[in-house]
Structure formats: C-alpha cells, structure tokens
Amino acid sequence: MKTRLTAAIAAATLALAACDNVDPRTIDTAGSAVAGGALAAVSASLLGASSGWTAVAGVAGATAGALHAQNRQTNQCAYYTGNGDEVVVRSCP
C-alpha cells in the first residue's frame, strides 16, 4: 500500500510540474487536492486503517483539498461549510 501511495504522489508531482501554461488557480486546486489526499491517506495508514478505509480517507482528503480555493490577488481563502450552499471567505492562514 505504501509503495502505491508513494508512486501516486510521485506521479501527481510530475503531472503538476508539467503544467506550465495552466491557470494558477487550477494548479492551486490540483495541488491542494494532492496534498489533502496524501495527508489523509498517510494519516489513515499510520492509524492502522484497512486499505479500503485508507482509500476512502484519501478521496475525502483530496475532496477537501480541492474545495479549499485561494485567491492569489486578495489573499483570501474560501472554505466550504458543509451545509450544502454556504462558503465562508476570510484571510488565508
């Protein structure tokens, strides 16, 4: 499992490096998704979750990472509240 996770992270890193002419917002979203998914999957694995739950955690982390959008011009971040339609905008950490 760890070998596949490492390979997936390496492949995602190479894919992001190839994005020279892509909108910076798209790269930020993809990078956040990769980071969120990797962090969640590694955390689940370290906590002893089964491979199925580790995959679920990775997908959930990737989704959370993709939902976190940063506006480079205003340095504000949008956070989805989870109630279906509300987003909170505040300064990025």
Foldseek 3Di string as FASTA:
>chain_A
DVVVLVVVLVVLVVVLVPPPPDDPQVSQLSVQLSVQLSVQLVVCVVVPHDPVVSNVSSNVRSVQRNQWTADVVVQKIWHDPPPPDDIDIDHDD
